Amino acid sequence: MADHHDEFKPGSMDIRAQEKTFAGFIAFTKWGVIIIFAILIFLALVGA
């Protein structure tokens, strides 16, 4: 097996796509939780 450790430079990889995906996941999760809580509060208030 060839040793390729000399070609890798820590911190040199472009991670903009991963950062954008993670930010989208966090936003989706946050709004999903907010909507679920709003539905639960609505159901509690109307006595369903």
N, C-alpha and C. Protein backbone atom coordinates (compact mmCIF):
# COMPACT_ATOMS: atom_id res chain seq x y z
N MET A 1 0.83 -1.17 0.00
CA MET A 1 0.00 0.00 0.00
C MET A 1 0.88 1.25 0.00
N ALA A 2 0.51 2.20 -0.77
CA ALA A 2 1.28 3.43 -0.84
C ALA A 2 0.95 4.33 0.35
N ASP A 3 1.95 5.05 0.82
CA ASP A 3 1.75 5.97 1.93
C ASP A 3 1.47 7.36 1.37
N HIS A 4 0.26 7.87 1.61
CA HIS A 4 -0.14 9.15 1.03
C HIS A 4 -0.28 10.24 2.08
N HIS A 5 0.30 10.04 3.25
CA HIS A 5 0.16 11.04 4.31
C HIS A 5 0.83 12.36 3.96
N ASP A 6 1.83 12.33 3.11
CA ASP A 6 2.53 13.57 2.77
C ASP A 6 1.71 14.44 1.81
N GLU A 7 0.64 13.90 1.19
CA GLU A 7 -0.18 14.68 0.26
C GLU A 7 -1.31 15.41 0.97
N PHE A 8 -1.69 14.96 2.15
CA PHE A 8 -2.83 15.54 2.86
C PHE A 8 -2.37 16.71 3.72
N LYS A 9 -3.09 17.83 3.60
CA LYS A 9 -2.81 19.00 4.41
C LYS A 9 -4.03 19.25 5.29
N PRO A 10 -3.92 19.04 6.60
CA PRO A 10 -5.06 19.25 7.49
C PRO A 10 -5.63 20.66 7.35
N GLY A 11 -6.95 20.74 7.26
CA GLY A 11 -7.62 22.02 7.14
C GLY A 11 -7.68 22.58 5.74
N SER A 12 -7.24 21.82 4.75
CA SER A 12 -7.20 22.34 3.38
C SER A 12 -8.42 21.93 2.54
N MET A 13 -9.25 21.04 3.07
CA MET A 13 -10.41 20.57 2.32
C MET A 13 -11.52 21.62 2.31
N ASP A 14 -12.18 21.79 1.18
CA ASP A 14 -13.30 22.73 1.07
C ASP A 14 -14.54 22.07 1.66
N ILE A 15 -15.04 22.64 2.74
CA ILE A 15 -16.19 22.04 3.43
C ILE A 15 -17.43 22.93 3.35
N ARG A 16 -17.48 23.84 2.39
CA ARG A 16 -18.64 24.72 2.27
C ARG A 16 -19.93 23.95 2.02
N ALA A 17 -19.88 22.90 1.22
CA ALA A 17 -21.08 22.10 0.94
C ALA A 17 -21.57 21.40 2.20
N GLN A 18 -20.64 20.87 3.00
CA GLN A 18 -21.03 20.21 4.24
C GLN A 18 -21.62 21.21 5.22
N GLU A 19 -21.02 22.41 5.30
CA GLU A 19 -21.54 23.44 6.20
C GLU A 19 -22.94 23.88 5.80
N LYS A 20 -23.17 24.02 4.50
CA LYS A 20 -24.49 24.43 4.00
C LYS A 20 -25.52 23.34 4.29
N THR A 21 -25.16 22.09 4.08
CA THR A 21 -26.06 20.97 4.36
C THR A 21 -26.40 20.90 5.84
N PHE A 22 -25.40 21.06 6.69
CA PHE A 22 -25.62 21.00 8.13
C PHE A 22 -26.51 22.16 8.59
N ALA A 23 -26.28 23.35 8.06
CA ALA A 23 -27.11 24.50 8.42
C ALA A 23 -28.57 24.26 7.99
N GLY A 24 -28.77 23.67 6.83
CA GLY A 24 -30.12 23.34 6.38
C GLY A 24 -30.77 22.30 7.28
N PHE A 25 -30.02 21.31 7.69
CA PHE A 25 -30.54 20.27 8.59
C PHE A 25 -30.96 20.88 9.92
N ILE A 26 -30.12 21.76 10.47
CA ILE A 26 -30.44 22.40 11.75
C ILE A 26 -31.69 23.26 11.62
N ALA A 27 -31.81 24.02 10.54
CA ALA A 27 -32.98 24.87 10.33
C ALA A 27 -34.24 24.02 10.19
N PHE A 28 -34.17 22.94 9.41
CA PHE A 28 -35.30 22.04 9.23
C PHE A 28 -35.73 21.43 10.56
N THR A 29 -34.77 20.99 11.35
CA THR A 29 -35.06 20.40 12.65
C THR A 29 -35.70 21.41 13.58
N LYS A 30 -35.15 22.62 13.62
CA LYS A 30 -35.69 23.67 14.49
C LYS A 30 -37.13 23.98 14.14
N TRP A 31 -37.41 24.21 12.86
CA TRP A 31 -38.79 24.53 12.45
C TRP A 31 -39.72 23.34 12.63
N GLY A 32 -39.22 22.15 12.43
CA GLY A 32 -40.04 20.96 12.67
C GLY A 32 -40.48 20.85 14.11
N VAL A 33 -39.55 21.09 15.03
CA VAL A 33 -39.87 21.04 16.46
C VAL A 33 -40.85 22.15 16.83
N ILE A 34 -40.65 23.34 16.29
CA ILE A 34 -41.57 24.46 16.57
C ILE A 34 -42.98 24.12 16.09
N ILE A 35 -43.09 23.57 14.90
CA ILE A 35 -44.41 23.22 14.36
C ILE A 35 -45.08 22.12 15.18
N ILE A 36 -44.31 21.13 15.58
CA ILE A 36 -44.86 20.04 16.41
C ILE A 36 -45.37 20.59 17.74
N PHE A 37 -44.59 21.45 18.38
CA PHE A 37 -45.04 22.04 19.64
C PHE A 37 -46.29 22.89 19.44
N ALA A 38 -46.34 23.64 18.36
CA ALA A 38 -47.52 24.46 18.09
C ALA A 38 -48.76 23.58 17.92
N ILE A 39 -48.61 22.47 17.22
CA ILE A 39 -49.74 21.55 17.04
C ILE A 39 -50.17 20.96 18.38
N LEU A 40 -49.20 20.57 19.21
CA LEU A 40 -49.53 20.00 20.52
C LEU A 40 -50.23 21.02 21.41
N ILE A 41 -49.77 22.26 21.39
CA ILE A 41 -50.42 23.31 22.18
C ILE A 41 -51.84 23.56 21.67
N PHE A 42 -51.99 23.61 20.36
CA PHE A 42 -53.33 23.79 19.77
C PHE A 42 -54.27 22.66 20.20
N LEU A 43 -53.80 21.44 20.12
CA LEU A 43 -54.63 20.30 20.50
C LEU A 43 -54.99 20.35 21.99
N ALA A 44 -54.06 20.80 22.82
CA ALA A 44 -54.35 20.91 24.25
C ALA A 44 -55.38 21.99 24.52
N LEU A 45 -55.32 23.08 23.78
CA LEU A 45 -56.24 24.18 24.01
C LEU A 45 -57.67 23.87 23.53
N VAL A 46 -57.80 23.13 22.44
CA VAL A 46 -59.14 22.81 21.94
C VAL A 46 -59.71 21.56 22.58
N GLY A 47 -58.92 20.89 23.40
CA GLY A 47 -59.41 19.72 24.12
C GLY A 47 -59.60 18.48 23.27
N ALA A 48 -58.79 18.33 22.26
CA ALA A 48 -58.92 17.17 21.39
C ALA A 48 -58.37 15.93 22.05
